[in-house]
Structures are given as structure tokens and as C-alpha cells.
C-alpha atoms as a PDB file:
ATOM      1  CA  MET A   1      62.471 -68.741 167.776  1.00  0.00           C
ATOM      2  CA  ASN A   2      61.213 -65.305 167.147  1.00  0.00           C
ATOM      3  CA  GLY A   3      57.427 -65.033 167.179  1.00  0.00           C
ATOM      4  CA  ALA A   4      57.586 -63.087 163.910  1.00  0.00           C
ATOM      5  CA  SER A   5      59.117 -66.008 162.095  1.00  0.00           C
ATOM      6  CA  VAL A   6      56.637 -68.612 163.317  1.00  0.00           C
ATOM      7  CA  PRO A   7      54.497 -70.056 160.338  1.00  0.00           C
ATOM      8  CA  THR A   8      50.849 -69.326 160.925  1.00  0.00           C
ATOM      9  CA  ALA A   9      47.767 -70.944 159.341  1.00  0.00           C
ATOM     10  CA  LEU A  10      47.522 -68.102 156.892  1.00  0.00           C
ATOM     11  CA  ASP A  11      51.061 -68.969 155.777  1.00  0.00           C
ATOM     12  CA  GLU A  12      49.808 -72.492 155.257  1.00  0.00           C
ATOM     13  CA  VAL A  13      46.777 -71.322 153.051  1.00  0.00           C
ATOM     14  CA  SER A  14      49.298 -69.196 151.205  1.00  0.00           C
ATOM     15  CA  ALA A  15      51.421 -72.275 150.682  1.00  0.00           C
ATOM     16  CA  VAL A  16      48.416 -74.254 149.352  1.00  0.00           C
ATOM     17  CA  ALA A  17      47.665 -71.683 146.896  1.00  0.00           C
ATOM     18  CA  ASP A  18      51.188 -71.452 145.705  1.00  0.00           C
ATOM     19  CA  ARG A  19      51.429 -75.164 145.160  1.00  0.00           C
ATOM     20  CA  VAL A  20      48.142 -75.381 143.272  1.00  0.00           C
ATOM     21  CA  ALA A  21      49.374 -72.466 141.185  1.00  0.00           C
ATOM     22  CA  ALA A  22      52.666 -74.417 140.417  1.00  0.00           C
ATOM     23  CA  LEU A  23      50.668 -77.523 139.394  1.00  0.00           C
ATOM     24  CA  LEU A  24      48.381 -75.534 137.205  1.00  0.00           C
ATOM     25  CA  ALA A  25      51.302 -73.742 135.452  1.00  0.00           C
ATOM     26  CA  ALA A  26      52.713 -77.231 134.860  1.00  0.00           C
ATOM     27  CA  GLY A  27      49.569 -78.148 132.896  1.00  0.00           C
ATOM     28  CA  VAL A  28      47.740 -80.201 135.533  1.00  0.00           C
ATOM     29  CA  SER A  29      43.956 -79.672 135.514  1.00  0.00           C
ATOM     30  CA  PRO A  30      42.362 -77.876 138.603  1.00  0.00           C
ATOM     31  CA  ARG A  31      40.571 -81.047 139.967  1.00  0.00           C
ATOM     32  CA  ALA A  32      43.767 -83.145 139.409  1.00  0.00           C
ATOM     33  CA  ALA A  33      45.839 -80.608 141.124  1.00  0.00           C
ATOM     34  CA  TRP A  34      43.861 -80.675 144.332  1.00  0.00           C
ATOM     35  CA  GLY A  35      43.668 -84.546 144.103  1.00  0.00           C
ATOM     36  CA  HIS A  36      47.455 -84.843 143.714  1.00  0.00           C
ATOM     37  CA  LEU A  37      47.840 -82.396 146.717  1.00  0.00           C
ATOM     38  CA  ALA A  38      45.473 -84.464 148.882  1.00  0.00           C
ATOM     39  CA  ALA A  39      47.314 -87.732 147.876  1.00  0.00           C
ATOM     40  CA  VAL A  40      50.627 -86.580 149.212  1.00  0.00           C
ATOM     41  CA  GLU A  41      51.489 -88.428 152.333  1.00  0.00           C
ATOM     42  CA  TRP A  42      52.438 -85.457 154.412  1.00  0.00           C
ATOM     43  CA  ALA A  43      49.139 -83.805 153.651  1.00  0.00           C
ATOM     44  CA  GLN A  44      47.196 -86.734 155.231  1.00  0.00           C
ATOM     45  CA  PRO A  45      46.341 -86.020 158.866  1.00  0.00           C
ATOM     46  CA  GLU A  46      45.635 -89.807 159.577  1.00  0.00           C
ATOM     47  CA  LYS A  47      49.239 -90.923 158.741  1.00  0.00           C
ATOM     48  CA  GLY A  48      51.734 -90.076 161.511  1.00  0.00           C
ATOM     49  CA  SER A  49      49.982 -86.706 162.281  1.00  0.00           C
ATOM     50  CA  VAL A  50      50.578 -86.975 166.093  1.00  0.00           C
ATOM     51  CA  THR A  51      54.348 -87.631 165.649  1.00  0.00           C
ATOM     52  CA  ARG A  52      54.653 -84.740 163.132  1.00  0.00           C
ATOM     53  CA  SER A  53      52.484 -82.408 165.282  1.00  0.00           C
ATOM     54  CA  ARG A  54      54.714 -82.981 168.256  1.00  0.00           C
ATOM     55  CA  GLN A  55      57.711 -82.504 166.226  1.00  0.00           C
ATOM     56  CA  ARG A  56      56.420 -79.198 165.062  1.00  0.00           C
ATOM     57  CA  GLU A  57      55.404 -78.122 168.626  1.00  0.00           C
ATOM     58  CA  ARG A  58      58.936 -78.788 169.796  1.00  0.00           C
ATOM     59  CA  SER A  59      60.409 -76.798 166.965  1.00  0.00           C
ATOM     60  CA  GLY A  60      58.077 -73.825 167.735  1.00  0.00           C
ATOM     61  CA  ALA A  61      56.312 -74.065 164.410  1.00  0.00           C
ATOM     62  CA  GLY A  62      52.872 -73.837 166.108  1.00  0.00           C
ATOM     63  CA  SER A  63      50.225 -75.162 163.764  1.00  0.00           C
ATOM     64  CA  GLY A  64      52.761 -76.372 161.226  1.00  0.00           C
ATOM     65  CA  SER A  65      54.436 -75.221 158.212  1.00  0.00           C
ATOM     66  CA  GLY A  66      53.755 -75.842 154.508  1.00  0.00           C
ATOM     67  CA  VAL A  67      50.320 -77.420 153.762  1.00  0.00           C
ATOM     68  CA  ALA A  68      50.591 -80.165 156.411  1.00  0.00           C
ATOM     69  CA  GLY A  69      48.396 -78.150 158.935  1.00  0.00           C
ATOM     70  CA  ASN A  70      45.776 -77.880 156.250  1.00  0.00           C
ATOM     71  CA  GLY A  71      45.612 -81.616 155.467  1.00  0.00           C
ATOM     72  CA  ALA A  72      42.056 -81.890 156.547  1.00  0.00           C
ATOM     73  CA  ALA A  73      40.979 -79.066 154.523  1.00  0.00           C
ATOM     74  CA  ILE A  74      42.666 -80.265 151.498  1.00  0.00           C
ATOM     75  CA  HIS A  75      41.014 -83.578 151.611  1.00  0.00           C
ATOM     76  CA  THR A  76      37.584 -81.944 152.160  1.00  0.00           C
ATOM     77  CA  ILE A  77      38.137 -79.843 148.971  1.00  0.00           C
ATOM     78  CA  ALA A  78      39.229 -82.968 146.892  1.00  0.00           C
ATOM     79  CA  GLU A  79      36.309 -84.951 148.101  1.00  0.00           C
ATOM     80  CA  ALA A  80      33.965 -82.122 147.302  1.00  0.00           C
ATOM     81  CA  LEU A  81      35.511 -81.802 143.751  1.00  0.00           C
ATOM     82  CA  ALA A  82      35.189 -85.576 143.299  1.00  0.00           C
ATOM     83  CA  SER A  83      31.496 -85.287 144.031  1.00  0.00           C
ATOM     84  CA  GLY A  84      31.053 -82.687 141.228  1.00  0.00           C
ATOM     85  CA  MET A  85      31.246 -79.491 143.167  1.00  0.00           C
ATOM     86  CA  ALA A  86      32.930 -76.560 141.509  1.00  0.00           C
ATOM     87  CA  VAL A  87      36.284 -75.431 142.978  1.00  0.00           C
ATOM     88  CA  PRO A  88      35.120 -71.859 144.330  1.00  0.00           C
ATOM     89  CA  GLU A  89      32.165 -73.576 146.092  1.00  0.00           C
ATOM     90  CA  ALA A  90      34.457 -76.297 147.539  1.00  0.00           C
ATOM     91  CA  LEU A  91      36.846 -73.786 148.855  1.00  0.00           C
ATOM     92  CA  CYS A  92      33.953 -71.964 150.502  1.00  0.00           C
ATOM     93  CA  ALA A  93      32.692 -75.241 151.889  1.00  0.00           C
ATOM     94  CA  VAL A  94      35.875 -75.567 153.891  1.00  0.00           C
ATOM     95  CA  ALA A  95      35.272 -72.090 155.396  1.00  0.00           C
ATOM     96  CA  GLU A  96      31.881 -73.250 156.445  1.00  0.00           C
ATOM     97  CA  GLU A  97      33.150 -76.251 158.424  1.00  0.00           C
ATOM     98  CA  GLY A  98      34.573 -73.970 161.110  1.00  0.00           C
ATOM     99  CA  ARG A  99      37.490 -76.245 162.070  1.00  0.00           C
ATOM    100  CA  GLN A 100      40.020 -73.374 162.005  1.00  0.00           C
ATOM    101  CA  GLY A 101      40.027 -69.664 163.242  1.00  0.00           C
ATOM    102  CA  LEU A 102      38.084 -66.965 161.629  1.00  0.00           C
ATOM    103  CA  PRO A 103      41.153 -65.399 159.620  1.00  0.00           C
ATOM    104  CA  VAL A 104      41.835 -68.966 158.085  1.00  0.00           C
ATOM    105  CA  ARG A 105      38.196 -69.671 157.162  1.00  0.00           C
ATOM    106  CA  ARG A 106      37.991 -66.261 155.636  1.00  0.00           C
ATOM    107  CA  ALA A 107      41.204 -66.758 153.719  1.00  0.00           C
ATOM    108  CA  TRP A 108      39.763 -70.046 152.174  1.00  0.00           C
ATOM    109  CA  ARG A 109      36.747 -68.013 151.173  1.00  0.00           C
ATOM    110  CA  MET A 110      38.778 -65.317 149.740  1.00  0.00           C
ATOM    111  CA  LEU A 111      40.610 -67.957 147.678  1.00  0.00           C
ATOM    112  CA  GLY A 112      37.269 -69.257 146.415  1.00  0.00           C
ATOM    113  CA  VAL A 113      36.321 -65.706 145.312  1.00  0.00           C
ATOM    114  CA  THR A 114      39.613 -65.244 143.622  1.00  0.00           C
ATOM    115  CA  TRP A 115      39.278 -68.557 141.710  1.00  0.00           C
ATOM    116  CA  ALA A 116      35.732 -67.732 140.656  1.00  0.00           C
ATOM    117  CA  VAL A 117      36.772 -64.201 139.426  1.00  0.00           C
ATOM    118  CA  ALA A 118      39.662 -65.681 137.454  1.00  0.00           C
ATOM    119  CA  GLU A 119      37.552 -68.305 135.819  1.00  0.00           C
ATOM    120  CA  GLU A 120      34.709 -66.019 134.897  1.00  0.00           C
ATOM    121  CA  SER A 121      37.047 -63.236 133.488  1.00  0.00           C
ATOM    122  CA  GLY A 122      39.316 -65.701 131.782  1.00  0.00           C
ATOM    123  CA  ALA A 123      42.427 -64.577 133.565  1.00  0.00           C
ATOM    124  CA  PRO A 124      45.474 -67.001 133.839  1.00  0.00           C
ATOM    125  CA  LEU A 125      44.421 -69.039 136.935  1.00  0.00           C
ATOM    126  CA  ALA A 126      47.980 -69.865 137.992  1.00  0.00           C
ATOM    127  CA  VAL A 127      49.118 -66.186 138.010  1.00  0.00           C
ATOM    128  CA  CYS A 128      46.063 -65.211 139.962  1.00  0.00           C
ATOM    129  CA  LEU A 129      46.619 -67.806 142.525  1.00  0.00           C
ATOM    130  CA  ARG A 130      50.164 -66.820 142.928  1.00  0.00           C
ATOM    131  CA  ASP A 131      48.985 -63.167 143.581  1.00  0.00           C
ATOM    132  CA  ALA A 132      46.500 -64.529 146.164  1.00  0.00           C
ATOM    133  CA  SER A 133      49.259 -66.513 147.769  1.00  0.00           C
ATOM    134  CA  ALA A 134      51.439 -63.344 148.070  1.00  0.00           C
ATOM    135  CA  ALA A 135      48.432 -61.341 149.575  1.00  0.00           C
ATOM    136  CA  PHE A 136      47.828 -64.172 152.098  1.00  0.00           C
ATOM    137  CA  ALA A 137      51.611 -64.090 153.090  1.00  0.00           C
ATOM    138  CA  ASP A 138      51.443 -60.281 153.434  1.00  0.00           C
ATOM    139  CA  ALA A 139      48.259 -60.797 155.752  1.00  0.00           C
ATOM    140  CA  ALA A 140      50.042 -63.477 157.804  1.00  0.00           C
ATOM    141  CA  SER A 141      53.102 -61.165 158.113  1.00  0.00           C
ATOM    142  CA  ALA A 142      50.748 -58.285 159.319  1.00  0.00           C
ATOM    143  CA  GLU A 143      49.140 -60.668 161.971  1.00  0.00           C
ATOM    144  CA  ARG A 144      52.515 -61.685 163.266  1.00  0.00           C
ATOM    145  CA  ASP A 145      53.631 -58.120 163.607  1.00  0.00           C
ATOM    146  CA  ARG A 146      50.400 -57.166 165.441  1.00  0.00           C
ATOM    147  CA  ALA A 147      50.573 -60.190 167.692  1.00  0.00           C
ATOM    148  CA  VAL A 148      54.190 -59.352 168.575  1.00  0.00           C
ATOM    149  CA  ALA A 149      53.145 -55.694 169.230  1.00  0.00           C
ATOM    150  CA  LEU A 150      50.267 -56.829 171.453  1.00  0.00           C
ATOM    151  CA  ALA A 151      52.256 -59.340 173.441  1.00  0.00           C
ATOM    152  CA  GLY A 152      53.419 -56.727 175.978  1.00  0.00           C
ATOM    153  CA  PRO A 153      50.087 -55.062 176.504  1.00  0.00           C
ATOM    154  CA  ARG A 154      48.354 -58.485 176.774  1.00  0.00           C
ATOM    155  CA  ALA A 155      50.944 -59.506 179.546  1.00  0.00           C
ATOM    156  CA  THR A 156      50.397 -56.256 181.368  1.00  0.00           C
ATOM    157  CA  ALA A 157      46.599 -56.726 181.240  1.00  0.00           C
ATOM    158  CA  ARG A 158      46.921 -60.225 182.743  1.00  0.00           C
ATOM    159  CA  LEU A 159      49.386 -59.180 185.472  1.00  0.00           C
ATOM    160  CA  VAL A 160      47.453 -56.062 186.668  1.00  0.00           C
ATOM    161  CA  THR A 161      44.110 -57.995 187.013  1.00  0.00           C
ATOM    162  CA  VAL A 162      45.611 -60.643 189.340  1.00  0.00           C
ATOM    163  CA  LEU A 163      47.697 -58.121 191.469  1.00  0.00           C
ATOM    164  CA  PRO A 164      44.929 -57.838 194.112  1.00  0.00           C
ATOM    165  CA  LEU A 165      44.817 -61.597 194.627  1.00  0.00           C
ATOM    166  CA  ILE A 166      48.641 -61.763 194.815  1.00  0.00           C
ATOM    167  CA  SER A 167      48.591 -59.005 197.479  1.00  0.00           C
ATOM    168  CA  VAL A 168      46.032 -61.005 199.520  1.00  0.00           C
ATOM    169  CA  LEU A 169      48.046 -64.108 199.386  1.00  0.00           C
ATOM    170  CA  GLY A 170      51.370 -62.210 200.146  1.00  0.00           C
ATOM    171  CA  GLY A 171      49.774 -60.566 203.140  1.00  0.00           C
ATOM    172  CA  THR A 172      48.685 -63.903 204.395  1.00  0.00           C
ATOM    173  CA  LEU A 173      52.422 -65.340 204.019  1.00  0.00           C
ATOM    174  CA  ILE A 174      53.763 -62.516 206.057  1.00  0.00           C
ATOM    175  CA  GLY A 175      51.306 -63.094 208.891  1.00  0.00           C
ATOM    176  CA  LEU A 176      48.471 -60.746 208.177  1.00  0.00           C
ATOM    177  CA  ASP A 177      44.937 -62.247 208.783  1.00  0.00           C
ATOM    178  CA  THR A 178      43.574 -60.810 205.678  1.00  0.00           C
ATOM    179  CA  VAL A 179      41.800 -63.887 204.343  1.00  0.00           C
ATOM    180  CA  HIS A 180      40.172 -64.533 207.648  1.00  0.00           C
ATOM    181  CA  ILE A 181      38.770 -61.095 207.763  1.00  0.00           C
ATOM    182  CA  LEU A 182      37.566 -61.184 204.197  1.00  0.00           C
ATOM    183  CA  ILE A 183      35.572 -64.451 204.656  1.00  0.00           C
ATOM    184  CA  ALA A 184      34.576 -64.358 208.408  1.00  0.00           C
ATOM    185  CA  THR A 185      33.377 -60.781 208.925  1.00  0.00           C
ATOM    186  CA  ALA A 186      30.626 -58.684 207.558  1.00  0.00           C
ATOM    187  CA  GLY A 187      32.998 -55.872 206.609  1.00  0.00           C
ATOM    188  CA  GLY A 188      35.291 -58.342 205.003  1.00  0.00           C
ATOM    189  CA  TRP A 189      32.475 -59.813 202.870  1.00  0.00           C
ATOM    190  CA  ILE A 190      31.731 -56.267 201.609  1.00  0.00           C
ATOM    191  CA  CYS A 191      35.305 -55.764 200.764  1.00  0.00           C
ATOM    192  CA  LEU A 192      35.447 -59.126 198.996  1.00  0.00           C
ATOM    193  CA  VAL A 193      32.430 -58.576 196.812  1.00  0.00           C
ATOM    194  CA  LEU A 194      33.347 -55.018 195.976  1.00  0.00           C
ATOM    195  CA  GLY A 195      37.018 -56.090 195.321  1.00  0.00           C
ATOM    196  CA  LEU A 196      36.054 -58.942 193.105  1.00  0.00           C
ATOM    197  CA  GLY A 197      33.528 -56.886 191.170  1.00  0.00           C
ATOM    198  CA  LEU A 198      36.291 -54.175 190.499  1.00  0.00           C
ATOM    199  CA  MET A 199      38.664 -56.899 189.344  1.00  0.00           C
ATOM    200  CA  LEU A 200      36.090 -58.449 187.005  1.00  0.00           C
ATOM    201  CA  ALA A 201      35.193 -54.935 185.618  1.00  0.00           C
ATOM    202  CA  GLY A 202      38.979 -54.172 185.118  1.00  0.00           C
ATOM    203  CA  ARG A 203      39.429 -57.467 183.349  1.00  0.00           C
ATOM    204  CA  ALA A 204      36.465 -56.940 181.096  1.00  0.00           C
ATOM    205  CA  TRP A 205      37.629 -53.338 180.270  1.00  0.00           C
ATOM    206  CA  SER A 206      41.161 -54.560 179.503  1.00  0.00           C
ATOM    207  CA  ALA A 207      39.868 -57.338 177.261  1.00  0.00           C
ATOM    208  CA  ALA A 208      37.679 -54.830 175.442  1.00  0.00           C
ATOM    209  CA  LEU A 209      40.657 -52.568 174.770  1.00  0.00           C
ATOM    210  CA  LEU A 210      42.745 -55.539 173.612  1.00  0.00           C
ATOM    211  CA  ALA A 211      39.997 -56.734 171.262  1.00  0.00           C
ATOM    212  CA  LYS A 212      39.774 -53.163 169.652  1.00  0.00           C
ATOM    213  CA  ALA A 213      43.453 -52.947 169.202  1.00  0.00           C
ATOM    214  CA  ALA A 214      43.565 -56.375 167.674  1.00  0.00           C
ATOM    215  CA  GLY A 215      41.038 -55.473 165.119  1.00  0.00           C
ATOM    216  CA  SER A 216      38.332 -57.629 163.473  1.00  0.00           C
ATOM    217  CA  GLY A 217      38.463 -60.135 160.709  1.00  0.00           C
ATOM    218  CA  ASP A 218      37.488 -57.362 158.267  1.00  0.00           C
ATOM    219  CA  ARG A 219      41.139 -56.390 158.176  1.00  0.00           C
ATOM    220  CA  MET A 220      41.794 -59.506 156.249  1.00  0.00           C
ATOM    221  CA  THR A 221      40.006 -57.948 153.283  1.00  0.00           C
ATOM    222  CA  THR A 222      42.254 -54.918 153.123  1.00  0.00           C
ATOM    223  CA  GLY A 223      43.118 -54.372 149.492  1.00  0.00           C
ATOM    224  CA  LEU A 224      41.404 -57.475 148.537  1.00  0.00           C
ATOM    225  CA  ALA A 225      38.800 -55.763 146.464  1.00  0.00           C
ATOM    226  CA  LEU A 226      41.503 -54.105 144.451  1.00  0.00           C
ATOM    227  CA  ASP A 227      43.440 -57.352 144.061  1.00  0.00           C
ATOM    228  CA  LEU A 228      40.310 -59.068 142.746  1.00  0.00           C
ATOM    229  CA  VAL A 229      39.576 -56.289 140.237  1.00  0.00           C
ATOM    230  CA  ALA A 230      43.126 -56.681 139.080  1.00  0.00           C
ATOM    231  CA  VAL A 231      42.450 -60.322 138.649  1.00  0.00           C
ATOM    232  CA  ALA A 232      39.326 -59.581 136.491  1.00  0.00           C
ATOM    233  CA  VAL A 233      41.154 -57.057 134.507  1.00  0.00           C
ATOM    234  CA  ARG A 234      43.655 -59.643 133.401  1.00  0.00           C
ATOM    235  CA  GLY A 235      40.920 -61.303 131.511  1.00  0.00           C
ATOM    236  CA  GLY A 236      40.311 -58.245 129.390  1.00  0.00           C
ATOM    237  CA  GLY A 237      37.183 -56.307 129.039  1.00  0.00           C
ATOM    238  CA  PRO A 238      36.075 -52.893 130.439  1.00  0.00           C
ATOM    239  CA  LEU A 239      36.932 -51.874 134.036  1.00  0.00           C
ATOM    240  CA  GLU A 240      33.270 -51.511 134.825  1.00  0.00           C
ATOM    241  CA  THR A 241      32.615 -55.033 133.784  1.00  0.00           C
ATOM    242  CA  ALA A 242      35.496 -56.216 136.010  1.00  0.00           C
ATOM    243  CA  VAL A 243      34.140 -54.310 139.025  1.00  0.00           C
ATOM    244  CA  ASP A 244      30.675 -55.733 138.546  1.00  0.00           C
ATOM    245  CA  ARG A 245      32.031 -59.157 138.177  1.00  0.00           C
ATOM    246  CA  VAL A 246      34.027 -59.090 141.446  1.00  0.00           C
ATOM    247  CA  GLU A 247      31.095 -57.629 143.342  1.00  0.00           C
ATOM    248  CA  ARG A 248      28.909 -60.255 142.188  1.00  0.00           C
ATOM    249  CA  GLN A 249      31.203 -63.003 143.161  1.00  0.00           C
ATOM    250  CA  TRP A 250      31.984 -61.393 146.416  1.00  0.00           C
ATOM    251  CA  ARG A 251      28.285 -61.527 147.388  1.00  0.00           C
ATOM    252  CA  ARG A 252      27.554 -64.855 145.785  1.00  0.00           C
ATOM    253  CA  LEU A 253      30.206 -66.725 147.664  1.00  0.00           C
ATOM    254  CA  GLY A 254      29.394 -64.999 151.007  1.00  0.00           C
ATOM    255  CA  LEU A 255      32.643 -63.285 151.785  1.00  0.00           C
ATOM    256  CA  GLY A 256      30.847 -60.873 154.037  1.00  0.00           C
ATOM    257  CA  GLY A 257      31.880 -57.272 154.957  1.00  0.00           C
ATOM    258  CA  SER A 258      31.895 -54.314 152.649  1.00  0.00           C
ATOM    259  CA  PHE A 259      33.142 -54.763 149.041  1.00  0.00           C
ATOM    260  CA  GLY A 260      34.358 -51.211 149.279  1.00  0.00           C
ATOM    261  CA  VAL A 261      33.582 -50.294 145.688  1.00  0.00           C
ATOM    262  CA  GLU A 262      34.296 -46.592 146.463  1.00  0.00           C
ATOM    263  CA  ARG A 263      37.929 -47.640 147.139  1.00  0.00           C
ATOM    264  CA  VAL A 264      38.092 -49.248 143.697  1.00  0.00           C
ATOM    265  CA  GLN A 265      36.418 -46.431 141.692  1.00  0.00           C
ATOM    266  CA  GLY A 266      39.152 -43.930 142.364  1.00  0.00           C
ATOM    267  CA  VAL A 267      41.942 -46.227 140.962  1.00  0.00           C
ATOM    268  CA  VAL A 268      39.596 -47.223 138.049  1.00  0.00           C
ATOM    269  CA  GLU A 269      39.142 -43.465 137.215  1.00  0.00           C
ATOM    270  CA  LEU A 270      42.824 -42.757 137.432  1.00  0.00           C
ATOM    271  CA  ALA A 271      43.501 -45.649 134.996  1.00  0.00           C
ATOM    272  CA  ARG A 272      40.747 -44.462 132.598  1.00  0.00           C
ATOM    273  CA  ARG A 273      42.103 -40.872 132.562  1.00  0.00           C
ATOM    274  CA  SER A 274      45.771 -41.637 132.372  1.00  0.00           C
ATOM    275  CA  GLY A 275      45.661 -44.726 130.088  1.00  0.00           C
ATOM    276  CA  ALA A 276      48.006 -46.623 132.435  1.00  0.00           C
ATOM    277  CA  ALA A 277      47.777 -50.193 132.943  1.00  0.00           C
ATOM    278  CA  PRO A 278      44.861 -50.678 135.383  1.00  0.00           C
ATOM    279  CA  ALA A 279      46.009 -53.920 136.887  1.00  0.00           C
ATOM    280  CA  GLU A 280      49.333 -52.511 137.995  1.00  0.00           C
ATOM    281  CA  LEU A 281      47.607 -49.503 139.474  1.00  0.00           C
ATOM    282  CA  LEU A 282      45.175 -51.792 141.267  1.00  0.00           C
ATOM    283  CA  ARG A 283      47.913 -54.013 142.708  1.00  0.00           C
ATOM    284  CA  GLY A 284      49.906 -51.067 143.857  1.00  0.00           C
ATOM    285  CA  GLU A 285      47.128 -49.489 145.679  1.00  0.00           C
ATOM    286  CA  ALA A 286      46.146 -52.844 147.286  1.00  0.00           C
ATOM    287  CA  ALA A 287      49.711 -53.094 148.532  1.00  0.00           C
ATOM    288  CA  ARG A 288      49.497 -49.516 149.878  1.00  0.00           C
ATOM    289  CA  GLN A 289      46.369 -50.291 151.777  1.00  0.00           C
ATOM    290  CA  ARG A 290      47.909 -53.299 153.303  1.00  0.00           C
ATOM    291  CA  ARG A 291      50.856 -51.302 154.416  1.00  0.00           C
ATOM    292  CA  ALA A 292      48.625 -48.746 155.920  1.00  0.00           C
ATOM    293  CA  GLY A 293      46.636 -51.445 157.698  1.00  0.00           C
ATOM    294  CA  VAL A 294      49.757 -52.777 159.306  1.00  0.00           C
ATOM    295  CA  ALA A 295      50.791 -49.201 160.305  1.00  0.00           C
ATOM    296  CA  ARG A 296      47.364 -48.678 161.915  1.00  0.00           C
ATOM    297  CA  GLY A 297      47.685 -51.975 163.715  1.00  0.00           C
ATOM    298  CA  ARG A 298      51.040 -51.114 165.008  1.00  0.00           C
ATOM    299  CA  ALA A 299      49.962 -47.657 166.185  1.00  0.00           C
ATOM    300  CA  ASP A 300      46.924 -49.261 168.025  1.00  0.00           C
ATOM    301  CA  ALA A 301      49.132 -51.681 169.813  1.00  0.00           C
ATOM    302  CA  ALA A 302      51.429 -48.815 170.818  1.00  0.00           C
ATOM    303  CA  SER A 303      48.681 -46.733 172.134  1.00  0.00           C
ATOM    304  CA  LEU A 304      47.191 -49.684 174.019  1.00  0.00           C
ATOM    305  CA  ALA A 305      49.772 -49.592 176.757  1.00  0.00           C
ATOM    306  CA  VAL A 306      48.532 -46.143 177.621  1.00  0.00           C
ATOM    307  CA  TRP A 307      44.877 -46.853 177.529  1.00  0.00           C
ATOM    308  CA  LEU A 308      45.395 -49.801 179.825  1.00  0.00           C
ATOM    309  CA  MET A 309      46.257 -47.247 182.601  1.00  0.00           C
ATOM    310  CA  LEU A 310      42.411 -46.439 182.718  1.00  0.00           C
ATOM    311  CA  PRO A 311      41.271 -49.900 184.003  1.00  0.00           C
ATOM    312  CA  LEU A 312      44.408 -49.964 186.176  1.00  0.00           C
ATOM    313  CA  GLY A 313      43.708 -46.631 187.869  1.00  0.00           C
ATOM    314  CA  ALA A 314      39.827 -47.052 187.889  1.00  0.00           C
ATOM    315  CA  CYS A 315      39.474 -50.704 188.864  1.00  0.00           C
ATOM    316  CA  VAL A 316      42.585 -52.646 189.768  1.00  0.00           C
ATOM    317  CA  LEU A 317      44.103 -50.265 192.100  1.00  0.00           C
ATOM    318  CA  PRO A 318      40.764 -49.683 193.982  1.00  0.00           C
ATOM    319  CA  ALA A 319      40.412 -53.490 194.158  1.00  0.00           C
ATOM    320  CA  PHE A 320      43.929 -53.760 195.559  1.00  0.00           C
ATOM    321  CA  PHE A 321      42.839 -51.185 198.218  1.00  0.00           C
ATOM    322  CA  VAL A 322      39.595 -52.832 199.332  1.00  0.00           C
ATOM    323  CA  LEU A 323      41.120 -56.421 199.225  1.00  0.00           C
ATOM    324  CA  THR A 324      44.276 -55.568 201.284  1.00  0.00           C
ATOM    325  CA  VAL A 325      44.422 -52.251 202.853  1.00  0.00           C
ATOM    326  CA  VAL A 326      40.778 -52.092 204.118  1.00  0.00           C
ATOM    327  CA  PRO A 327      40.873 -55.545 205.675  1.00  0.00           C
ATOM    328  CA  MET A 328      44.309 -54.829 207.362  1.00  0.00           C
ATOM    329  CA  PHE A 329      42.664 -51.650 208.834  1.00  0.00           C
ATOM    330  CA  LEU A 330      39.643 -53.658 209.942  1.00  0.00           C
ATOM    331  CA  GLY A 331      41.803 -56.277 211.624  1.00  0.00           C
ATOM    332  CA  VAL A 332      43.713 -53.604 213.524  1.00  0.00           C
ATOM    333  CA  LEU A 333      40.614 -51.905 214.478  1.00  0.00           C
ATOM    334  CA  GLY A 334      39.162 -55.177 215.739  1.00  0.00           C
ATOM    335  CA  ARG A 335      42.155 -55.808 217.862  1.00  0.00           C
ATOM    336  CA  VAL A 336      42.073 -52.294 219.321  1.00  0.00           C
ATOM    337  CA  THR A 337      38.273 -52.453 220.119  1.00  0.00           C
ATOM    338  CA  GLY A 338      38.511 -55.944 221.207  1.00  0.00           C
END
């Protein structure tokens, strides 16, 4: 199965939002919608979860598809709602538990902010959740594209950092006394410490380059501010009020990162001057920002292969030299002087 088609945890959050939106559109109340979702057998992790998990692993689905992988989170939300907690706070409570990775916890919190903005502005909740579901699906697609683009550089980084050790073992297999020289002579110990230090430095350098190319969790919020203002605008009222409402909920629910109000103001001003529908302009600009973010991620991954040559030349190749060539020279020199 192609890695780009494997469902991710973000896809699962998108599926949850889409199903809740469908229940709300059918007239089910918000609390009842989450209760129905939690009561479904395939969303309960305690019933046959091991068998289903193994089946998903064999099929290459990773963490699962649909809402099954988020069964524990859905039950947590349903229990929080049953205790009287509001939906946005319940969604953010799941993010606080930390059972899942940062992008997924951030997605739950983003869903909570979307819910709060829709409720406060009076926008149709089902429509807003469908928009959020589409945004999460776009983010999941971007993460898959980035992971596929980084797969090659990651493999290269792992390979070049172990090449010196492979060369040492290879030299031993063909009869060279490299290992003995490294551990039994003073010069060998110097080579061993220096070589291992260079290897660790090269590995850390490569890992830093990979982390920079992969990007931070803030990429999850690309275009989100515009999407949320579009949600607030659906409920009517001035654009300034919509922006203030989104910024307040963003901070209240602890989404973190920069709200990026300056990115919103340009679209708001264009809508004010032109008289065009602000919600459409906002959603279009949000989609454009997401596409730009994907393009930047692909460009970063493409340039990473070049940047990885730096730790290769500065650390890995010198480590190869001091762990293989120098011990061989010391061994020959010892035989000659001996």
C-alpha cells in the first residue's frame, strides 16, 4: 500500500468531526451525538480491540481508519459531557491527556475552538464541523506528502551514520585486526573516541536538519485563523466582531501559537472594500495558505538531501577514516616496527 494512502490519526479526527456533523444535521443534539458515537461497538477499545488492531496492522492501515483509532478519546469526551462539561472544554480535555501525538492533540483542540466559535456566533454547527473535517483531511494529506518526501532523506541519514561501524565490522571479516587495535592500543583508543564522537555529532546534525525540514506543530494552524473567522462570519455580525470572537476563543481554549490576526486583516479589508462575501474570501485564502504550506514542506524535503551532505562530509567521512584507515595504518606500522 502506498504510504500516501495510509489513514493517519488526523484522518480519524476528520472522520469523527464528519460523523458528528452528520448526526447534528439529522437533528441529534450535540451531547446525544457524542453519546451515540461512543456507544457504537467498533468505537469501544475494550471490545475486540486487539484483534481489530492486528487486522489493521496487517492491512497497512497503521493506527486504524474511521473513528476506531479514536475510541478512547470519544469515550473521554462522552464521559466529560455526561458530567456537565461543555463540548469545547471536553474536546480540549482530550488534548490535555497526551495519549496521542502532538498533531492529533492539536487537532482535538482546534476542533474545540471551532465548536466554541460556531456556538458563540450562532453559525450552523453541522456545516462548520464539515468545514473543520475538510481542513483536517487537508492537513493529513499534507503530513502524508511530507512524510513521503522525507522518507528518502531519513533513510540516507540513518545509513551514513552507521557506515563507519559497518566498515569496521567489514574489515574484521576480511581478516584485518581493526577491532583489536581500537580496543587494545593507546592510538586505537584515541581513534575510537574521536570516531564515535564524530559519529554522534553527525547523527545529531542530521537529526536537526530532519527536524527543521519536518516542521513544527504550528503548521497545523496554517489557514486555521481564516477558517475560524469564516465560521464566525456565518453567524452574521460585523467582521471586526468575528475576528475578536475567534481571537478570544483561541486564547481561552489554549490553542497556542500565534493567532496571526495580521493574515486575517488583509482578507477582511478586501471584503469590506469590494463588498464580496467575506466567508468565501476567507475560506479561499485559507486553502491557498494550506497549499503554500504543502509546497514549502516539499521544497524543504527536496533540499534536505543536499544539506545532509554537510554532516556526511564534516563528520561521517572523517569518522570512517579514523575508525578504519588509521587503525589499519597503525596495525601495519606495528608489524613493521615489531
